[in-house]
Amino acid sequence: MITASLGNIDLLKLPKTAFLCSRKVPASVVLKCYDWAIAQREKGVCVISGFHSQIEKDVLHYLLKGKQPIILALARGLKEKLEPEFEKPIKQGRLLIITPFDKTIKRVTEQTAATRNKLMIDLAGQITIGYTSPGGQLEELLKGIEKPINKIV
């Protein structure tokens, strides 16, 4: 359930692809994730992600260069101040920031990240995985998911 949002709420009506990636990724995966992001940007696909890990932040960097819609799902409450790189896409109506938490939740924890990831999976029609660490939280989260899951690697 979304508790707070900032931006174009109508983006939730679009078909969405969730992008998730473990924090630690082999070097061989990095460029493939960048190529995937560029391909989504060129196709105009609405991507929803936490954009929290370094690789996810890099994917966001590539997506922000396009014109397609983006949904950023936070694992904490909304910040008081918007990051400068988000101002233009918010004004253009192509960025939505959502969170299942109120503003009293100021830090990301394993639990808040898991809650956020479940929200993204619930909202998305399909899921793309950059990389899953064997035995990690992401691998566990994906068990029993009945939506299309595409793995970059």
N, C-alpha and C. Protein backbone atom coordinates (compact mmCIF):
# COMPACT_ATOMS: atom_id res chain seq x y z
N MET A 1 0.83 -1.18 0.00
CA MET A 1 0.00 0.00 0.00
C MET A 1 0.88 1.25 0.00
N ILE A 2 0.55 2.18 -0.83
CA ILE A 2 1.30 3.42 -0.94
C ILE A 2 0.79 4.39 0.13
N THR A 3 1.70 4.88 0.96
CA THR A 3 1.36 5.81 2.03
C THR A 3 1.53 7.26 1.58
N ALA A 4 2.57 7.52 0.78
CA ALA A 4 2.86 8.88 0.33
C ALA A 4 3.42 8.84 -1.08
N SER A 5 3.21 9.94 -1.81
CA SER A 5 3.75 10.01 -3.17
C SER A 5 4.05 11.45 -3.54
N LEU A 6 4.87 11.60 -4.55
CA LEU A 6 5.21 12.90 -5.11
C LEU A 6 5.39 12.72 -6.60
N GLY A 7 4.69 13.51 -7.39
CA GLY A 7 4.81 13.39 -8.84
C GLY A 7 3.50 12.95 -9.46
N ASN A 8 3.61 12.39 -10.66
CA ASN A 8 2.45 12.03 -11.48
C ASN A 8 1.88 10.67 -11.07
N ILE A 9 0.84 10.69 -10.25
CA ILE A 9 0.24 9.45 -9.73
C ILE A 9 -0.37 8.60 -10.84
N ASP A 10 -0.70 9.22 -11.98
CA ASP A 10 -1.27 8.48 -13.10
C ASP A 10 -0.29 7.47 -13.69
N LEU A 11 1.00 7.60 -13.38
CA LEU A 11 1.98 6.62 -13.88
C LEU A 11 1.69 5.23 -13.34
N LEU A 12 0.99 5.15 -12.21
CA LEU A 12 0.64 3.84 -11.65
C LEU A 12 -0.30 3.06 -12.57
N LYS A 13 -1.01 3.75 -13.45
CA LYS A 13 -1.95 3.09 -14.37
C LYS A 13 -1.24 2.41 -15.54
N LEU A 14 0.03 2.77 -15.77
CA LEU A 14 0.77 2.23 -16.91
C LEU A 14 1.27 0.81 -16.65
N PRO A 15 1.51 0.04 -17.72
CA PRO A 15 2.22 -1.24 -17.54
C PRO A 15 3.64 -0.92 -17.02
N LYS A 16 4.06 -1.68 -16.02
CA LYS A 16 5.35 -1.39 -15.37
C LYS A 16 6.24 -2.62 -15.32
N THR A 17 7.54 -2.37 -15.46
CA THR A 17 8.55 -3.41 -15.25
C THR A 17 9.35 -3.03 -14.01
N ALA A 18 9.37 -3.94 -13.04
CA ALA A 18 10.17 -3.71 -11.84
C ALA A 18 11.61 -4.13 -12.12
N PHE A 19 12.56 -3.31 -11.69
CA PHE A 19 13.97 -3.66 -11.81
C PHE A 19 14.54 -3.82 -10.41
N LEU A 20 15.09 -5.01 -10.16
CA LEU A 20 15.73 -5.29 -8.89
C LEU A 20 17.09 -5.91 -9.15
N CYS A 21 18.02 -5.62 -8.25
CA CYS A 21 19.37 -6.16 -8.41
C CYS A 21 20.02 -6.24 -7.04
N SER A 22 20.71 -7.33 -6.79
CA SER A 22 21.45 -7.47 -5.54
C SER A 22 22.50 -6.37 -5.43
N ARG A 23 22.87 -6.05 -4.20
CA ARG A 23 23.85 -4.97 -3.99
C ARG A 23 25.21 -5.31 -4.57
N LYS A 24 25.62 -6.56 -4.40
CA LYS A 24 26.93 -6.98 -4.93
C LYS A 24 26.71 -7.70 -6.24
N VAL A 25 27.33 -7.17 -7.29
CA VAL A 25 27.17 -7.77 -8.62
C VAL A 25 28.53 -8.01 -9.25
N PRO A 26 28.67 -9.10 -9.99
CA PRO A 26 29.92 -9.32 -10.71
C PRO A 26 30.11 -8.25 -11.78
N ALA A 27 31.35 -7.92 -12.06
CA ALA A 27 31.66 -6.90 -13.07
C ALA A 27 31.02 -7.23 -14.42
N SER A 28 30.91 -8.50 -14.74
CA SER A 28 30.35 -8.91 -16.03
C SER A 28 28.88 -8.54 -16.17
N VAL A 29 28.20 -8.27 -15.07
CA VAL A 29 26.77 -7.96 -15.10
C VAL A 29 26.53 -6.46 -15.32
N VAL A 30 27.45 -5.63 -14.88
CA VAL A 30 27.25 -4.18 -14.86
C VAL A 30 26.88 -3.63 -16.23
N LEU A 31 27.68 -3.90 -17.24
CA LEU A 31 27.40 -3.36 -18.57
C LEU A 31 26.10 -3.90 -19.14
N LYS A 32 25.76 -5.14 -18.81
CA LYS A 32 24.50 -5.72 -19.29
C LYS A 32 23.30 -4.98 -18.68
N CYS A 33 23.43 -4.58 -17.42
CA CYS A 33 22.36 -3.80 -16.78
C CYS A 33 22.24 -2.43 -17.43
N TYR A 34 23.37 -1.81 -17.75
CA TYR A 34 23.34 -0.51 -18.42
C TYR A 34 22.67 -0.64 -19.79
N ASP A 35 23.04 -1.68 -20.53
CA ASP A 35 22.44 -1.91 -21.85
C ASP A 35 20.93 -2.12 -21.72
N TRP A 36 20.51 -2.86 -20.70
CA TRP A 36 19.08 -3.08 -20.47
C TRP A 36 18.39 -1.75 -20.21
N ALA A 37 18.98 -0.91 -19.36
CA ALA A 37 18.37 0.39 -19.03
C ALA A 37 18.22 1.25 -20.28
N ILE A 38 19.24 1.28 -21.10
CA ILE A 38 19.19 2.08 -22.33
C ILE A 38 18.10 1.54 -23.26
N ALA A 39 17.97 0.23 -23.34
CA ALA A 39 16.94 -0.38 -24.19
C ALA A 39 15.54 -0.01 -23.68
N GLN A 40 15.34 -0.02 -22.35
CA GLN A 40 14.03 0.34 -21.79
C GLN A 40 13.73 1.81 -22.06
N ARG A 41 14.75 2.63 -21.93
CA ARG A 41 14.60 4.06 -22.20
C ARG A 41 14.15 4.28 -23.64
N GLU A 42 14.82 3.59 -24.57
CA GLU A 42 14.50 3.76 -26.00
C GLU A 42 13.12 3.23 -26.35
N LYS A 43 12.66 2.19 -25.64
CA LYS A 43 11.34 1.62 -25.90
C LYS A 43 10.23 2.39 -25.18
N GLY A 44 10.62 3.27 -24.24
CA GLY A 44 9.62 4.04 -23.48
C GLY A 44 8.94 3.25 -22.38
N VAL A 45 9.60 2.21 -21.89
CA VAL A 45 9.02 1.35 -20.85
C VAL A 45 9.03 2.07 -19.50
N CYS A 46 7.92 1.96 -18.77
CA CYS A 46 7.85 2.50 -17.41
C CYS A 46 8.55 1.52 -16.47
N VAL A 47 9.63 1.98 -15.86
CA VAL A 47 10.40 1.14 -14.94
C VAL A 47 10.14 1.61 -13.52
N ILE A 48 9.86 0.65 -12.63
CA ILE A 48 9.71 0.93 -11.21
C ILE A 48 10.85 0.24 -10.48
N SER A 49 11.50 0.97 -9.60
CA SER A 49 12.62 0.40 -8.86
C SER A 49 12.86 1.24 -7.62
N GLY A 50 13.63 0.68 -6.71
CA GLY A 50 14.05 1.43 -5.54
C GLY A 50 15.24 2.32 -5.87
N PHE A 51 15.95 1.95 -6.94
CA PHE A 51 17.14 2.69 -7.36
C PHE A 51 18.02 2.99 -6.16
N HIS A 52 18.23 1.96 -5.34
CA HIS A 52 18.95 2.14 -4.08
C HIS A 52 20.40 1.65 -4.14
N SER A 53 20.60 0.45 -4.66
CA SER A 53 21.97 -0.07 -4.77
C SER A 53 22.72 0.74 -5.84
N GLN A 54 24.03 0.62 -5.86
CA GLN A 54 24.81 1.40 -6.83
C GLN A 54 24.40 1.07 -8.27
N ILE A 55 24.21 -0.19 -8.58
CA ILE A 55 23.84 -0.55 -9.95
C ILE A 55 22.44 0.01 -10.29
N GLU A 56 21.52 -0.01 -9.31
CA GLU A 56 20.19 0.56 -9.55
C GLU A 56 20.27 2.08 -9.75
N LYS A 57 21.15 2.73 -9.01
CA LYS A 57 21.35 4.18 -9.20
C LYS A 57 21.89 4.46 -10.59
N ASP A 58 22.80 3.61 -11.05
CA ASP A 58 23.35 3.77 -12.40
C ASP A 58 22.26 3.58 -13.45
N VAL A 59 21.39 2.59 -13.25
CA VAL A 59 20.28 2.36 -14.17
C VAL A 59 19.37 3.60 -14.20
N LEU A 60 19.10 4.18 -13.04
CA LEU A 60 18.29 5.40 -12.97
C LEU A 60 18.95 6.53 -13.76
N HIS A 61 20.26 6.64 -13.64
CA HIS A 61 21.00 7.67 -14.38
C HIS A 61 20.70 7.56 -15.88
N TYR A 62 20.75 6.34 -16.42
CA TYR A 62 20.47 6.13 -17.85
C TYR A 62 19.01 6.41 -18.17
N LEU A 63 18.10 6.02 -17.30
CA LEU A 63 16.67 6.23 -17.55
C LEU A 63 16.32 7.72 -17.53
N LEU A 64 16.93 8.47 -16.63
CA LEU A 64 16.61 9.90 -16.52
C LEU A 64 16.99 10.68 -17.78
N LYS A 65 17.86 10.13 -18.60
CA LYS A 65 18.26 10.80 -19.84
C LYS A 65 17.20 10.68 -20.93
N GLY A 66 16.17 9.86 -20.70
CA GLY A 66 15.13 9.66 -21.70
C GLY A 66 13.89 10.49 -21.44
N LYS A 67 12.79 10.02 -21.99
CA LYS A 67 11.51 10.70 -21.82
C LYS A 67 10.44 9.75 -21.26
N GLN A 68 10.81 8.50 -21.03
CA GLN A 68 9.84 7.51 -20.57
C GLN A 68 9.53 7.72 -19.08
N PRO A 69 8.39 7.15 -18.63
CA PRO A 69 8.01 7.29 -17.23
C PRO A 69 8.87 6.42 -16.31
N ILE A 70 9.07 6.92 -15.10
CA ILE A 70 9.88 6.23 -14.08
C ILE A 70 9.14 6.32 -12.75
N ILE A 71 9.12 5.21 -12.02
CA ILE A 71 8.56 5.23 -10.67
C ILE A 71 9.67 4.82 -9.70
N LEU A 72 9.94 5.69 -8.76
CA LEU A 72 10.94 5.46 -7.73
C LEU A 72 10.22 5.06 -6.45
N ALA A 73 10.48 3.85 -5.96
CA ALA A 73 9.84 3.36 -4.74
C ALA A 73 10.86 3.43 -3.60
N LEU A 74 10.53 4.19 -2.59
CA LEU A 74 11.45 4.39 -1.47
C LEU A 74 11.24 3.34 -0.37
N ALA A 75 12.32 3.02 0.32
CA ALA A 75 12.27 2.10 1.46
C ALA A 75 12.32 2.91 2.76
N ARG A 76 11.80 4.11 2.71
CA ARG A 76 11.70 5.03 3.85
C ARG A 76 10.62 6.04 3.50
N GLY A 77 10.36 6.98 4.39
CA GLY A 77 9.38 8.02 4.09
C GLY A 77 9.94 9.02 3.09
N LEU A 78 9.06 9.86 2.55
CA LEU A 78 9.50 10.91 1.63
C LEU A 78 10.42 11.88 2.34
N LYS A 79 11.43 12.36 1.60
CA LYS A 79 12.33 13.38 2.14
C LYS A 79 11.64 14.73 2.10
N GLU A 80 12.13 15.65 2.93
CA GLU A 80 11.60 17.02 2.92
C GLU A 80 12.02 17.74 1.65
N LYS A 81 13.24 17.45 1.17
CA LYS A 81 13.80 18.16 0.02
C LYS A 81 14.03 17.17 -1.13
N LEU A 82 13.65 17.58 -2.32
CA LEU A 82 13.79 16.76 -3.52
C LEU A 82 15.20 16.86 -4.09
N GLU A 83 15.76 15.74 -4.51
CA GLU A 83 17.07 15.75 -5.16
C GLU A 83 16.97 16.58 -6.45
N PRO A 84 17.99 17.39 -6.75
CA PRO A 84 17.94 18.27 -7.94
C PRO A 84 17.69 17.52 -9.25
N GLU A 85 18.23 16.31 -9.39
CA GLU A 85 18.05 15.57 -10.65
C GLU A 85 16.61 15.09 -10.85
N PHE A 86 15.78 15.17 -9.80
CA PHE A 86 14.38 14.74 -9.91
C PHE A 86 13.43 15.89 -10.24
N GLU A 87 13.86 17.11 -10.08
CA GLU A 87 12.96 18.25 -10.26
C GLU A 87 12.38 18.33 -11.67
N LYS A 88 13.24 18.24 -12.69
CA LYS A 88 12.77 18.36 -14.07
C LYS A 88 11.83 17.20 -14.45
N PRO A 89 12.21 15.92 -14.19
CA PRO A 89 11.28 14.83 -14.55
C PRO A 89 9.95 14.91 -13.80
N ILE A 90 9.95 15.41 -12.57
CA ILE A 90 8.69 15.58 -11.82
C ILE A 90 7.83 16.63 -12.54
N LYS A 91 8.43 17.76 -12.90
CA LYS A 91 7.70 18.83 -13.60
C LYS A 91 7.18 18.35 -14.95
N GLN A 92 7.94 17.47 -15.61
CA GLN A 92 7.53 16.93 -16.91
C GLN A 92 6.41 15.89 -16.77
N GLY A 93 6.12 15.47 -15.55
CA GLY A 93 5.07 14.48 -15.32
C GLY A 93 5.50 13.06 -15.64
N ARG A 94 6.81 12.82 -15.69
CA ARG A 94 7.28 11.47 -16.04
C ARG A 94 7.97 10.75 -14.89
N LEU A 95 7.93 11.35 -13.70
CA LEU A 95 8.52 10.72 -12.52
C LEU A 95 7.50 10.72 -11.39
N LEU A 96 7.39 9.57 -10.75
CA LEU A 96 6.56 9.42 -9.56
C LEU A 96 7.43 8.80 -8.48
N ILE A 97 7.42 9.39 -7.31
CA ILE A 97 8.12 8.84 -6.16
C ILE A 97 7.05 8.35 -5.19
N ILE A 98 7.15 7.07 -4.82
CA ILE A 98 6.16 6.48 -3.90
C ILE A 98 6.86 5.84 -2.72
N THR A 99 6.12 5.67 -1.64
CA THR A 99 6.64 4.96 -0.48
C THR A 99 5.50 4.34 0.31
N PRO A 100 5.74 3.16 0.88
CA PRO A 100 4.73 2.58 1.76
C PRO A 100 4.90 3.07 3.21
N PHE A 101 5.79 4.03 3.44
CA PHE A 101 6.11 4.50 4.79
C PHE A 101 5.78 5.97 4.97
N ASP A 102 5.48 6.36 6.21
CA ASP A 102 5.27 7.79 6.47
C ASP A 102 6.62 8.46 6.74
N LYS A 103 6.61 9.77 6.85
CA LYS A 103 7.86 10.53 6.91
C LYS A 103 8.66 10.32 8.19
N THR A 104 8.08 9.61 9.17
CA THR A 104 8.85 9.33 10.38
C THR A 104 9.91 8.25 10.14
N ILE A 105 9.75 7.46 9.08
CA ILE A 105 10.74 6.42 8.75
C ILE A 105 11.82 7.08 7.90
N LYS A 106 12.99 7.31 8.51
CA LYS A 106 14.03 8.10 7.85
C LYS A 106 15.22 7.26 7.36
N ARG A 107 15.30 6.01 7.80
CA ARG A 107 16.43 5.17 7.41
C ARG A 107 15.95 3.89 6.73
N VAL A 108 16.75 3.45 5.76
CA VAL A 108 16.47 2.18 5.07
C VAL A 108 17.04 1.05 5.91
N THR A 109 16.22 0.04 6.14
CA THR A 109 16.67 -1.16 6.85
C THR A 109 16.37 -2.36 5.96
N GLU A 110 16.84 -3.54 6.37
CA GLU A 110 16.52 -4.75 5.61
C GLU A 110 15.00 -4.92 5.51
N GLN A 111 14.31 -4.65 6.61
CA GLN A 111 12.85 -4.81 6.64
C GLN A 111 12.14 -3.81 5.74
N THR A 112 12.55 -2.53 5.79
CA THR A 112 11.87 -1.53 4.95
C THR A 112 12.17 -1.80 3.47
N ALA A 113 13.39 -2.26 3.18
CA ALA A 113 13.72 -2.59 1.79
C ALA A 113 12.88 -3.77 1.31
N ALA A 114 12.69 -4.76 2.16
CA ALA A 114 11.87 -5.93 1.78
C ALA A 114 10.42 -5.51 1.54
N THR A 115 9.89 -4.62 2.39
CA THR A 115 8.52 -4.12 2.22
C THR A 115 8.39 -3.36 0.90
N ARG A 116 9.38 -2.49 0.63
CA ARG A 116 9.40 -1.72 -0.62
C ARG A 116 9.47 -2.65 -1.83
N ASN A 117 10.35 -3.65 -1.77
CA ASN A 117 10.50 -4.58 -2.90
C ASN A 117 9.20 -5.34 -3.17
N LYS A 118 8.51 -5.74 -2.11
CA LYS A 118 7.23 -6.44 -2.28
C LYS A 118 6.21 -5.52 -2.93
N LEU A 119 6.17 -4.25 -2.53
CA LEU A 119 5.26 -3.28 -3.13
C LEU A 119 5.54 -3.15 -4.63
N MET A 120 6.82 -3.04 -5.00
CA MET A 120 7.18 -2.90 -6.41
C MET A 120 6.73 -4.12 -7.21
N ILE A 121 6.95 -5.29 -6.66
CA ILE A 121 6.56 -6.52 -7.35
C ILE A 121 5.04 -6.58 -7.51
N ASP A 122 4.32 -6.15 -6.47
CA ASP A 122 2.86 -6.14 -6.54
C ASP A 122 2.36 -5.18 -7.64
N LEU A 123 3.03 -4.04 -7.79
CA LEU A 123 2.59 -3.03 -8.75
C LEU A 123 3.00 -3.34 -10.19
N ALA A 124 4.07 -4.10 -10.36
CA ALA A 124 4.62 -4.35 -11.70
C ALA A 124 3.93 -5.52 -12.39
N GLY A 125 3.88 -5.42 -13.72
CA GLY A 125 3.36 -6.53 -14.51
C GLY A 125 4.41 -7.58 -14.78
N GLN A 126 5.66 -7.14 -14.82
CA GLN A 126 6.78 -8.07 -15.00
C GLN A 126 7.98 -7.56 -14.22
N ILE A 127 8.92 -8.46 -14.01
CA ILE A 127 10.08 -8.17 -13.17
C ILE A 127 11.35 -8.47 -13.95
N THR A 128 12.30 -7.57 -13.88
CA THR A 128 13.62 -7.82 -14.46
C THR A 128 14.63 -7.81 -13.32
N ILE A 129 15.46 -8.84 -13.31
CA ILE A 129 16.47 -8.99 -12.27
C ILE A 129 17.84 -8.78 -12.90
N GLY A 130 18.58 -7.81 -12.38
CA GLY A 130 19.94 -7.60 -12.86
C GLY A 130 20.84 -8.74 -12.43
N TYR A 131 20.74 -9.08 -11.14
CA TYR A 131 21.56 -10.16 -10.59
C TYR A 131 21.01 -10.50 -9.21
N THR A 132 21.02 -11.78 -8.87
CA THR A 132 20.66 -12.18 -7.51
C THR A 132 21.85 -12.90 -6.88
N SER A 133 22.22 -12.45 -5.70
CA SER A 133 23.28 -13.14 -4.95
C SER A 133 22.71 -14.48 -4.47
N PRO A 134 23.45 -15.57 -4.71
CA PRO A 134 22.96 -16.88 -4.26
C PRO A 134 22.68 -16.87 -2.76
N GLY A 135 21.45 -17.29 -2.41
CA GLY A 135 21.06 -17.34 -1.01
C GLY A 135 20.71 -16.00 -0.39
N GLY A 136 20.67 -14.95 -1.20
CA GLY A 136 20.39 -13.61 -0.69
C GLY A 136 18.91 -13.32 -0.53
N GLN A 137 18.61 -12.14 0.00
CA GLN A 137 17.22 -11.73 0.24
C GLN A 137 16.41 -11.66 -1.05
N LEU A 138 17.02 -11.17 -2.11
CA LEU A 138 16.29 -11.03 -3.37
C LEU A 138 15.89 -12.40 -3.91
N GLU A 139 16.81 -13.35 -3.85
CA GLU A 139 16.50 -14.71 -4.31
C GLU A 139 15.31 -15.27 -3.52
N GLU A 140 15.31 -15.03 -2.23
CA GLU A 140 14.23 -15.50 -1.36
C GLU A 140 12.91 -14.82 -1.71
N LEU A 141 12.96 -13.52 -1.93
CA LEU A 141 11.76 -12.74 -2.26
C LEU A 141 11.09 -13.24 -3.54
N LEU A 142 11.89 -13.67 -4.49
CA LEU A 142 11.35 -14.07 -5.80
C LEU A 142 10.70 -15.45 -5.80
N LYS A 143 10.91 -16.22 -4.75
CA LYS A 143 10.30 -17.56 -4.69
C LYS A 143 8.79 -17.42 -4.63
N GLY A 144 8.10 -18.13 -5.47
CA GLY A 144 6.64 -18.12 -5.46
C GLY A 144 6.00 -16.97 -6.21
N ILE A 145 6.79 -16.09 -6.82
CA ILE A 145 6.23 -14.99 -7.60
C ILE A 145 5.69 -15.56 -8.90
N GLU A 146 4.45 -15.21 -9.22
CA GLU A 146 3.82 -15.78 -10.41
C GLU A 146 3.72 -14.79 -11.56
N LYS A 147 4.61 -13.84 -11.59
CA LYS A 147 4.67 -12.88 -12.69
C LYS A 147 5.89 -13.23 -13.55
N PRO A 148 5.90 -12.75 -14.79
CA PRO A 148 7.08 -13.01 -15.62
C PRO A 148 8.33 -12.39 -14.98
N ILE A 149 9.38 -13.20 -14.86
CA ILE A 149 10.66 -12.73 -14.31
C ILE A 149 11.71 -12.92 -15.39
N ASN A 150 12.33 -11.81 -15.78
CA ASN A 150 13.39 -11.85 -16.77
C ASN A 150 14.71 -11.58 -16.06
N LYS A 151 15.67 -12.44 -16.30
CA LYS A 151 16.99 -12.23 -15.70
C LYS A 151 17.95 -11.72 -16.77
N ILE A 152 18.62 -10.64 -16.43
CA ILE A 152 19.59 -10.07 -17.38
C ILE A 152 20.74 -11.04 -17.59
N VAL A 153 21.12 -11.72 -16.52
CA VAL A 153 22.23 -12.70 -16.62
C VAL A 153 21.68 -14.08 -16.35
